[in-house]
């Protein structure tokens, strides 16, 4: 890419410091050079101070903090504040409890720009259960509705004032990224990045916005076949080595039949 537009990775966080540190590490490991991370929180003073101390220790100029006063915020509103504070040409949802491969921004941005699109979403992903050490590879292309094949949490798009996360109603606190996706889907050309699910790990840790049953339903409905794991095993293992996930952990299919274990 001759010109690299600046990407703002936007993180809304609340009292999940260990997860946030991993998310920050994933940002720092990105190969894409022209980027920033914007961290927004309305958390307690002690949480804000821990974030400030950690970011200061990294001695980076591309991580910015936005500390909010009061508690009159829902997730949609906090995400919109992060967009307003972003200085990049592109924005990328960068959740505090998910993990991102070092090539995530480079590959997704290149694909979107080469296709001359205004937004991009992955259509497959990894899913990791922190309590049990189980990992699944989920392919959303099995969904019947085209929009439902796009993974909301993998958003990369040009900053566009027409679109925002919902700040009222049920979707303001849960499913806010799906609300934004619906707006984008109706109005701009979207790049669908398939076959790169290793770029993004969607984690479950019991304090997620969506509950355990939701996460288990995803792994049951969209888990890929063991044959596909075996076919791509070498590249898959290489990709997983980049993630700060405790070893050993095991890869499963939707029946919870173990496919392989990585030591």
C-alpha atoms as a PDB file:
ATOM      1  CA  UNK A   1       0.000   0.000   0.000  1.00  0.00           C
ATOM      2  CA  UNK A   2       1.726   3.237  -1.131  1.00  0.00           C
ATOM      3  CA  UNK A   3      -0.253   5.383   1.306  1.00  0.00           C
ATOM      4  CA  UNK A   4      -1.161   4.024   4.709  1.00  0.00           C
ATOM      5  CA  UNK A   5      -4.178   5.766   6.213  1.00  0.00           C
ATOM      6  CA  UNK A   6      -4.053   6.168   9.953  1.00  0.00           C
ATOM      7  CA  UNK A   7      -6.091   3.590  11.890  1.00  0.00           C
ATOM      8  CA  UNK A   8      -7.576   4.420  15.289  1.00  0.00           C
ATOM      9  CA  UNK A   9      -8.112   1.301  17.408  1.00  0.00           C
ATOM     10  CA  UNK A  10     -10.956   2.128  19.780  1.00  0.00           C
ATOM     11  CA  UNK A  11     -11.245   0.498  23.192  1.00  0.00           C
ATOM     12  CA  UNK A  12     -14.047   0.936  25.707  1.00  0.00           C
ATOM     13  CA  UNK A  13     -13.041  -0.590  29.035  1.00  0.00           C
ATOM     14  CA  UNK A  14     -14.394  -0.908  32.556  1.00  0.00           C
ATOM     15  CA  UNK A  15     -12.561  -2.602  35.432  1.00  0.00           C
ATOM     16  CA  UNK A  16     -10.916  -5.415  33.442  1.00  0.00           C
ATOM     17  CA  UNK A  17      -7.267  -4.496  33.783  1.00  0.00           C
ATOM     18  CA  UNK A  18      -5.663  -7.874  33.022  1.00  0.00           C
ATOM     19  CA  UNK A  19      -7.697  -8.214  29.846  1.00  0.00           C
ATOM     20  CA  UNK A  20      -6.980  -4.622  28.868  1.00  0.00           C
ATOM     21  CA  UNK A  21      -3.230  -5.190  29.217  1.00  0.00           C
ATOM     22  CA  UNK A  22      -3.447  -8.074  26.746  1.00  0.00           C
ATOM     23  CA  UNK A  23      -5.424  -5.921  24.331  1.00  0.00           C
ATOM     24  CA  UNK A  24      -2.804  -3.176  24.603  1.00  0.00           C
ATOM     25  CA  UNK A  25      -0.051  -5.713  23.987  1.00  0.00           C
ATOM     26  CA  UNK A  26      -1.861  -6.872  20.852  1.00  0.00           C
ATOM     27  CA  UNK A  27      -2.001  -3.271  19.653  1.00  0.00           C
ATOM     28  CA  UNK A  28       1.704  -2.732  20.321  1.00  0.00           C
ATOM     29  CA  UNK A  29       2.542  -5.896  18.363  1.00  0.00           C
ATOM     30  CA  UNK A  30       0.708  -4.768  15.206  1.00  0.00           C
ATOM     31  CA  UNK A  31       2.854  -4.626  12.077  1.00  0.00           C
ATOM     32  CA  UNK A  32       0.741  -1.831  10.600  1.00  0.00           C
ATOM     33  CA  UNK A  33       2.740   1.340  11.355  1.00  0.00           C
ATOM     34  CA  UNK A  34       0.318   4.268  11.061  1.00  0.00           C
ATOM     35  CA  UNK A  35      -1.981   3.668  13.998  1.00  0.00           C
ATOM     36  CA  UNK A  36      -3.148   4.848  17.393  1.00  0.00           C
ATOM     37  CA  UNK A  37      -5.078   3.310  20.282  1.00  0.00           C
ATOM     38  CA  UNK A  38      -7.761   5.331  22.030  1.00  0.00           C
ATOM     39  CA  UNK A  39      -8.783   3.932  25.425  1.00  0.00           C
ATOM     40  CA  UNK A  40     -11.976   5.312  26.955  1.00  0.00           C
ATOM     41  CA  UNK A  41     -13.243   4.469  30.434  1.00  0.00           C
ATOM     42  CA  UNK A  42     -15.660   5.774  33.035  1.00  0.00           C
ATOM     43  CA  UNK A  43     -14.147   3.393  35.587  1.00  0.00           C
ATOM     44  CA  UNK A  44     -13.172   4.111  39.166  1.00  0.00           C
ATOM     45  CA  UNK A  45     -10.234   6.385  39.963  1.00  0.00           C
ATOM     46  CA  UNK A  46      -8.059   3.429  40.946  1.00  0.00           C
ATOM     47  CA  UNK A  47      -8.717   1.735  37.600  1.00  0.00           C
ATOM     48  CA  UNK A  48      -7.881   4.887  35.683  1.00  0.00           C
ATOM     49  CA  UNK A  49      -4.639   5.254  37.592  1.00  0.00           C
ATOM     50  CA  UNK A  50      -3.614   1.650  36.859  1.00  0.00           C
ATOM     51  CA  UNK A  51      -4.228   2.264  33.165  1.00  0.00           C
ATOM     52  CA  UNK A  52      -2.263   5.519  33.243  1.00  0.00           C
ATOM     53  CA  UNK A  53       0.700   3.912  34.997  1.00  0.00           C
ATOM     54  CA  UNK A  54       0.774   0.960  32.612  1.00  0.00           C
ATOM     55  CA  UNK A  55       0.570   3.070  29.460  1.00  0.00           C
ATOM     56  CA  UNK A  56       3.226   5.456  30.799  1.00  0.00           C
ATOM     57  CA  UNK A  57       5.542   2.496  31.427  1.00  0.00           C
ATOM     58  CA  UNK A  58       5.270   1.531  27.757  1.00  0.00           C
ATOM     59  CA  UNK A  59       6.710   4.901  26.682  1.00  0.00           C
ATOM     60  CA  UNK A  60       4.535   5.098  23.579  1.00  0.00           C
ATOM     61  CA  UNK A  61       3.072   8.160  21.932  1.00  0.00           C
ATOM     62  CA  UNK A  62       0.406   6.290  19.969  1.00  0.00           C
ATOM     63  CA  UNK A  63      -1.807   5.304  22.931  1.00  0.00           C
ATOM     64  CA  UNK A  64      -4.190   7.994  24.154  1.00  0.00           C
ATOM     65  CA  UNK A  65      -6.408   7.918  27.232  1.00  0.00           C
ATOM     66  CA  UNK A  66      -9.843   9.464  27.636  1.00  0.00           C
ATOM     67  CA  UNK A  67     -11.082   9.330  31.228  1.00  0.00           C
ATOM     68  CA  UNK A  68     -14.764  10.133  31.717  1.00  0.00           C
ATOM     69  CA  UNK A  69     -16.324  11.620  34.837  1.00  0.00           C
ATOM     70  CA  UNK A  70     -19.532  10.318  36.364  1.00  0.00           C
ATOM     71  CA  UNK A  71     -21.355   7.106  35.565  1.00  0.00           C
ATOM     72  CA  UNK A  72     -24.120   8.200  33.193  1.00  0.00           C
ATOM     73  CA  UNK A  73     -22.780   6.144  30.296  1.00  0.00           C
ATOM     74  CA  UNK A  74     -23.824   3.058  28.408  1.00  0.00           C
ATOM     75  CA  UNK A  75     -21.590   1.080  26.084  1.00  0.00           C
ATOM     76  CA  UNK A  76     -22.959   2.695  22.936  1.00  0.00           C
ATOM     77  CA  UNK A  77     -22.259   6.166  24.289  1.00  0.00           C
ATOM     78  CA  UNK A  78     -18.725   5.278  25.369  1.00  0.00           C
ATOM     79  CA  UNK A  79     -17.975   3.807  21.947  1.00  0.00           C
ATOM     80  CA  UNK A  80     -19.245   6.966  20.245  1.00  0.00           C
ATOM     81  CA  UNK A  81     -17.000   9.073  22.471  1.00  0.00           C
ATOM     82  CA  UNK A  82     -14.055   6.965  21.334  1.00  0.00           C
ATOM     83  CA  UNK A  83     -14.975   7.662  17.698  1.00  0.00           C
ATOM     84  CA  UNK A  84     -15.157  11.396  18.408  1.00  0.00           C
ATOM     85  CA  UNK A  85     -11.681  11.302  19.969  1.00  0.00           C
ATOM     86  CA  UNK A  86     -10.139   9.293  17.117  1.00  0.00           C
ATOM     87  CA  UNK A  87      -7.690  11.129  14.866  1.00  0.00           C
ATOM     88  CA  UNK A  88      -7.381   8.359  12.279  1.00  0.00           C
ATOM     89  CA  UNK A  89      -8.846   8.089   8.799  1.00  0.00           C
ATOM     90  CA  UNK A  90     -10.064   4.607   9.719  1.00  0.00           C
ATOM     91  CA  UNK A  91     -11.530   3.287  12.955  1.00  0.00           C
ATOM     92  CA  UNK A  92     -11.267  -0.264  14.248  1.00  0.00           C
ATOM     93  CA  UNK A  93     -13.245  -1.752  17.127  1.00  0.00           C
ATOM     94  CA  UNK A  94     -10.636  -3.052  19.581  1.00  0.00           C
ATOM     95  CA  UNK A  95     -12.372  -4.607  22.573  1.00  0.00           C
ATOM     96  CA  UNK A  96     -10.517  -4.882  25.858  1.00  0.00           C
ATOM     97  CA  UNK A  97     -11.312  -8.580  26.345  1.00  0.00           C
ATOM     98  CA  UNK A  98     -10.483  -9.842  22.847  1.00  0.00           C
ATOM     99  CA  UNK A  99      -7.143 -10.706  21.259  1.00  0.00           C
ATOM    100  CA  UNK A 100      -5.691  -9.653  17.918  1.00  0.00           C
ATOM    101  CA  UNK A 101      -2.981 -11.198  15.746  1.00  0.00           C
ATOM    102  CA  UNK A 102      -0.012  -8.914  14.887  1.00  0.00           C
ATOM    103  CA  UNK A 103      -1.067  -8.926  11.214  1.00  0.00           C
ATOM    104  CA  UNK A 104      -4.700  -8.064  11.930  1.00  0.00           C
ATOM    105  CA  UNK A 105      -4.613  -4.404  10.881  1.00  0.00           C
ATOM    106  CA  UNK A 106      -2.199  -4.942   7.990  1.00  0.00           C
ATOM    107  CA  UNK A 107      -4.198  -7.731   6.340  1.00  0.00           C
ATOM    108  CA  UNK A 108      -7.664  -6.316   6.924  1.00  0.00           C
ATOM    109  CA  UNK A 109      -6.757  -2.781   5.834  1.00  0.00           C
ATOM    110  CA  UNK A 110      -4.997  -3.984   2.696  1.00  0.00           C
ATOM    111  CA  UNK A 111      -7.975  -6.140   1.724  1.00  0.00           C
ATOM    112  CA  UNK A 112     -10.456  -3.308   2.262  1.00  0.00           C
ATOM    113  CA  UNK A 113      -8.413  -0.754   0.336  1.00  0.00           C
ATOM    114  CA  UNK A 114      -7.685  -3.100  -2.561  1.00  0.00           C
ATOM    115  CA  UNK A 115     -11.416  -3.783  -2.893  1.00  0.00           C
ATOM    116  CA  UNK A 116     -12.123  -0.033  -2.775  1.00  0.00           C
ATOM    117  CA  UNK A 117     -14.621  -0.473   0.064  1.00  0.00           C
ATOM    118  CA  UNK A 118     -15.565   1.830   2.916  1.00  0.00           C
ATOM    119  CA  UNK A 119     -15.848  -0.821   5.629  1.00  0.00           C
ATOM    120  CA  UNK A 120     -14.606  -4.327   6.362  1.00  0.00           C
ATOM    121  CA  UNK A 121     -15.598  -7.265   8.560  1.00  0.00           C
ATOM    122  CA  UNK A 122     -14.166 -10.737   9.067  1.00  0.00           C
ATOM    123  CA  UNK A 123     -16.465 -13.667   8.325  1.00  0.00           C
ATOM    124  CA  UNK A 124     -14.632 -16.187  10.521  1.00  0.00           C
ATOM    125  CA  UNK A 125     -12.942 -15.957  13.906  1.00  0.00           C
ATOM    126  CA  UNK A 126     -11.494 -17.881  16.815  1.00  0.00           C
ATOM    127  CA  UNK A 127     -13.426 -18.244  20.058  1.00  0.00           C
ATOM    128  CA  UNK A 128     -11.642 -18.973  23.353  1.00  0.00           C
ATOM    129  CA  UNK A 129     -13.106 -19.981  26.719  1.00  0.00           C
ATOM    130  CA  UNK A 130     -10.688 -18.760  29.377  1.00  0.00           C
ATOM    131  CA  UNK A 131     -12.064 -20.971  32.145  1.00  0.00           C
ATOM    132  CA  UNK A 132     -11.808 -24.293  30.303  1.00  0.00           C
ATOM    133  CA  UNK A 133      -8.998 -23.599  27.827  1.00  0.00           C
ATOM    134  CA  UNK A 134     -11.222 -24.549  24.885  1.00  0.00           C
ATOM    135  CA  UNK A 135     -10.828 -22.897  21.505  1.00  0.00           C
ATOM    136  CA  UNK A 136     -13.156 -23.070  18.506  1.00  0.00           C
ATOM    137  CA  UNK A 137     -12.809 -21.813  14.952  1.00  0.00           C
ATOM    138  CA  UNK A 138     -16.125 -20.248  13.921  1.00  0.00           C
ATOM    139  CA  UNK A 139     -17.209 -19.592  10.344  1.00  0.00           C
ATOM    140  CA  UNK A 140     -20.108 -17.147  10.076  1.00  0.00           C
ATOM    141  CA  UNK A 141     -20.565 -17.858   6.364  1.00  0.00           C
ATOM    142  CA  UNK A 142     -23.000 -20.590   7.381  1.00  0.00           C
ATOM    143  CA  UNK A 143     -25.590 -17.939   8.287  1.00  0.00           C
ATOM    144  CA  UNK A 144     -28.405 -17.610   5.769  1.00  0.00           C
ATOM    145  CA  UNK A 145     -28.713 -13.821   5.915  1.00  0.00           C
ATOM    146  CA  UNK A 146     -25.791 -12.037   4.238  1.00  0.00           C
ATOM    147  CA  UNK A 147     -25.521  -9.376   6.943  1.00  0.00           C
ATOM    148  CA  UNK A 148     -25.368 -12.080   9.624  1.00  0.00           C
ATOM    149  CA  UNK A 149     -22.232 -13.463   7.978  1.00  0.00           C
ATOM    150  CA  UNK A 150     -20.330 -10.355   9.081  1.00  0.00           C
ATOM    151  CA  UNK A 151     -18.797 -10.401  12.575  1.00  0.00           C
ATOM    152  CA  UNK A 152     -19.752  -7.082  14.226  1.00  0.00           C
ATOM    153  CA  UNK A 153     -16.770  -6.975  16.585  1.00  0.00           C
ATOM    154  CA  UNK A 154     -14.286  -7.052  13.695  1.00  0.00           C
ATOM    155  CA  UNK A 155     -15.265  -3.646  12.311  1.00  0.00           C
ATOM    156  CA  UNK A 156     -12.742  -1.629  10.315  1.00  0.00           C
ATOM    157  CA  UNK A 157     -14.144   1.373   8.435  1.00  0.00           C
ATOM    158  CA  UNK A 158     -13.544   4.900   7.284  1.00  0.00           C
ATOM    159  CA  UNK A 159     -14.593   7.366   9.942  1.00  0.00           C
ATOM    160  CA  UNK A 160     -18.031   8.555   8.818  1.00  0.00           C
ATOM    161  CA  UNK A 161     -20.249  10.975  10.756  1.00  0.00           C
ATOM    162  CA  UNK A 162     -23.379   9.343   9.339  1.00  0.00           C
ATOM    163  CA  UNK A 163     -22.919   6.271  11.502  1.00  0.00           C
ATOM    164  CA  UNK A 164     -22.859   5.793  15.266  1.00  0.00           C
ATOM    165  CA  UNK A 165     -23.480   3.176  17.912  1.00  0.00           C
ATOM    166  CA  UNK A 166     -27.000   3.245  19.439  1.00  0.00           C
ATOM    167  CA  UNK A 167     -27.139   5.207  22.707  1.00  0.00           C
ATOM    168  CA  UNK A 168     -30.704   4.322  23.712  1.00  0.00           C
ATOM    169  CA  UNK A 169     -32.760   1.158  23.862  1.00  0.00           C
ATOM    170  CA  UNK A 170     -31.623  -2.390  24.510  1.00  0.00           C
ATOM    171  CA  UNK A 171     -28.875  -2.260  21.882  1.00  0.00           C
ATOM    172  CA  UNK A 172     -27.150   0.599  23.680  1.00  0.00           C
ATOM    173  CA  UNK A 173     -25.941  -1.807  26.372  1.00  0.00           C
ATOM    174  CA  UNK A 174     -25.752  -5.105  24.468  1.00  0.00           C
ATOM    175  CA  UNK A 175     -25.422  -5.717  20.753  1.00  0.00           C
ATOM    176  CA  UNK A 176     -24.449  -2.119  20.058  1.00  0.00           C
ATOM    177  CA  UNK A 177     -21.925  -3.232  17.447  1.00  0.00           C
ATOM    178  CA  UNK A 178     -24.685  -5.084  15.584  1.00  0.00           C
ATOM    179  CA  UNK A 179     -26.688  -1.854  15.580  1.00  0.00           C
ATOM    180  CA  UNK A 180     -23.809  -0.026  13.928  1.00  0.00           C
ATOM    181  CA  UNK A 181     -23.268  -2.865  11.466  1.00  0.00           C
ATOM    182  CA  UNK A 182     -26.890  -2.614  10.303  1.00  0.00           C
ATOM    183  CA  UNK A 183     -26.416   1.079   9.481  1.00  0.00           C
ATOM    184  CA  UNK A 184     -23.189   0.466   7.591  1.00  0.00           C
ATOM    185  CA  UNK A 185     -24.573  -2.527   5.701  1.00  0.00           C
ATOM    186  CA  UNK A 186     -27.358  -0.466   4.156  1.00  0.00           C
ATOM    187  CA  UNK A 187     -25.183   2.417   3.031  1.00  0.00           C
ATOM    188  CA  UNK A 188     -21.604   1.602   2.028  1.00  0.00           C
ATOM    189  CA  UNK A 189     -19.691  -1.105   0.136  1.00  0.00           C
ATOM    190  CA  UNK A 190     -18.289  -3.679   2.552  1.00  0.00           C
ATOM    191  CA  UNK A 191     -15.252  -5.932   2.162  1.00  0.00           C
ATOM    192  CA  UNK A 192     -15.741  -9.453   3.495  1.00  0.00           C
ATOM    193  CA  UNK A 193     -12.483 -10.973   4.712  1.00  0.00           C
ATOM    194  CA  UNK A 194     -12.801 -14.774   4.738  1.00  0.00           C
ATOM    195  CA  UNK A 195     -10.292 -17.445   5.697  1.00  0.00           C
ATOM    196  CA  UNK A 196      -8.387 -15.225   8.134  1.00  0.00           C
ATOM    197  CA  UNK A 197     -10.186 -16.175  11.338  1.00  0.00           C
ATOM    198  CA  UNK A 198      -6.859 -16.555  13.141  1.00  0.00           C
ATOM    199  CA  UNK A 199      -6.533 -12.750  13.145  1.00  0.00           C
ATOM    200  CA  UNK A 200      -9.120 -12.340  15.909  1.00  0.00           C
ATOM    201  CA  UNK A 201      -9.918 -14.206  19.143  1.00  0.00           C
ATOM    202  CA  UNK A 202     -13.329 -13.614  20.711  1.00  0.00           C
ATOM    203  CA  UNK A 203     -12.942 -14.480  24.381  1.00  0.00           C
ATOM    204  CA  UNK A 204     -15.434 -15.689  26.979  1.00  0.00           C
ATOM    205  CA  UNK A 205     -14.583 -15.076  30.636  1.00  0.00           C
ATOM    206  CA  UNK A 206     -17.981 -14.978  32.464  1.00  0.00           C
ATOM    207  CA  UNK A 207     -18.133 -11.178  32.600  1.00  0.00           C
ATOM    208  CA  UNK A 208     -18.923 -10.628  28.928  1.00  0.00           C
ATOM    209  CA  UNK A 209     -21.838  -8.574  27.683  1.00  0.00           C
ATOM    210  CA  UNK A 210     -23.345 -11.772  26.278  1.00  0.00           C
ATOM    211  CA  UNK A 211     -23.715 -14.794  28.563  1.00  0.00           C
ATOM    212  CA  UNK A 212     -22.327 -18.319  28.509  1.00  0.00           C
ATOM    213  CA  UNK A 213     -25.293 -19.774  26.624  1.00  0.00           C
ATOM    214  CA  UNK A 214     -24.832 -17.246  23.821  1.00  0.00           C
ATOM    215  CA  UNK A 215     -21.164 -18.140  23.442  1.00  0.00           C
ATOM    216  CA  UNK A 216     -21.833 -21.882  23.524  1.00  0.00           C
ATOM    217  CA  UNK A 217     -24.559 -21.456  20.906  1.00  0.00           C
ATOM    218  CA  UNK A 218     -22.048 -19.757  18.606  1.00  0.00           C
ATOM    219  CA  UNK A 219     -19.569 -22.618  18.936  1.00  0.00           C
ATOM    220  CA  UNK A 220     -22.359 -25.147  18.333  1.00  0.00           C
ATOM    221  CA  UNK A 221     -23.747 -23.429  15.251  1.00  0.00           C
ATOM    222  CA  UNK A 222     -20.615 -22.192  13.489  1.00  0.00           C
ATOM    223  CA  UNK A 223     -17.664 -24.395  14.404  1.00  0.00           C
ATOM    224  CA  UNK A 224     -15.659 -25.552  11.373  1.00  0.00           C
ATOM    225  CA  UNK A 225     -14.964 -29.204  10.602  1.00  0.00           C
ATOM    226  CA  UNK A 226     -11.892 -31.065  11.913  1.00  0.00           C
ATOM    227  CA  UNK A 227     -10.790 -31.633   8.304  1.00  0.00           C
ATOM    228  CA  UNK A 228     -10.417 -27.897   7.845  1.00  0.00           C
ATOM    229  CA  UNK A 229      -8.263 -27.661  10.977  1.00  0.00           C
ATOM    230  CA  UNK A 230      -5.973 -30.426   9.734  1.00  0.00           C
ATOM    231  CA  UNK A 231      -5.698 -28.845   6.282  1.00  0.00           C
ATOM    232  CA  UNK A 232      -4.510 -25.519   7.703  1.00  0.00           C
ATOM    233  CA  UNK A 233      -2.768 -26.892  10.796  1.00  0.00           C
ATOM    234  CA  UNK A 234       0.782 -25.610  10.184  1.00  0.00           C
ATOM    235  CA  UNK A 235      -0.311 -22.035   9.509  1.00  0.00           C
ATOM    236  CA  UNK A 236      -2.844 -22.219  12.321  1.00  0.00           C
ATOM    237  CA  UNK A 237      -0.272 -23.284  14.929  1.00  0.00           C
ATOM    238  CA  UNK A 238       2.123 -20.558  13.764  1.00  0.00           C
ATOM    239  CA  UNK A 239      -0.610 -17.938  14.116  1.00  0.00           C
ATOM    240  CA  UNK A 240      -1.639 -19.084  17.588  1.00  0.00           C
ATOM    241  CA  UNK A 241       1.936 -18.782  18.845  1.00  0.00           C
ATOM    242  CA  UNK A 242       1.490 -14.996  18.674  1.00  0.00           C
ATOM    243  CA  UNK A 243      -1.299 -14.913  21.253  1.00  0.00           C
ATOM    244  CA  UNK A 244      -0.875 -14.429  25.030  1.00  0.00           C
ATOM    245  CA  UNK A 245      -2.964 -17.517  25.850  1.00  0.00           C
ATOM    246  CA  UNK A 246      -1.814 -19.950  28.576  1.00  0.00           C
ATOM    247  CA  UNK A 247      -0.544 -23.309  27.296  1.00  0.00           C
ATOM    248  CA  UNK A 248      -1.642 -25.984  26.922  1.00  0.00           C
ATOM    249  CA  UNK A 249      -5.031 -25.330  25.361  1.00  0.00           C
ATOM    250  CA  UNK A 250      -7.144 -27.485  23.086  1.00  0.00           C
ATOM    251  CA  UNK A 251      -9.025 -26.959  19.838  1.00  0.00           C
ATOM    252  CA  UNK A 252     -12.502 -28.463  19.726  1.00  0.00           C
ATOM    253  CA  UNK A 253     -15.273 -28.964  17.233  1.00  0.00           C
ATOM    254  CA  UNK A 254     -18.856 -28.040  18.123  1.00  0.00           C
ATOM    255  CA  UNK A 255     -19.541 -31.476  19.696  1.00  0.00           C
ATOM    256  CA  UNK A 256     -16.701 -30.624  22.116  1.00  0.00           C
ATOM    257  CA  UNK A 257     -14.710 -33.422  20.527  1.00  0.00           C
ATOM    258  CA  UNK A 258     -11.035 -32.495  20.823  1.00  0.00           C
ATOM    259  CA  UNK A 259      -9.311 -31.885  17.498  1.00  0.00           C
ATOM    260  CA  UNK A 260      -5.802 -31.071  18.751  1.00  0.00           C
ATOM    261  CA  UNK A 261      -3.904 -29.735  21.764  1.00  0.00           C
ATOM    262  CA  UNK A 262      -1.207 -27.066  21.559  1.00  0.00           C
ATOM    263  CA  UNK A 263       1.509 -27.368  24.203  1.00  0.00           C
END
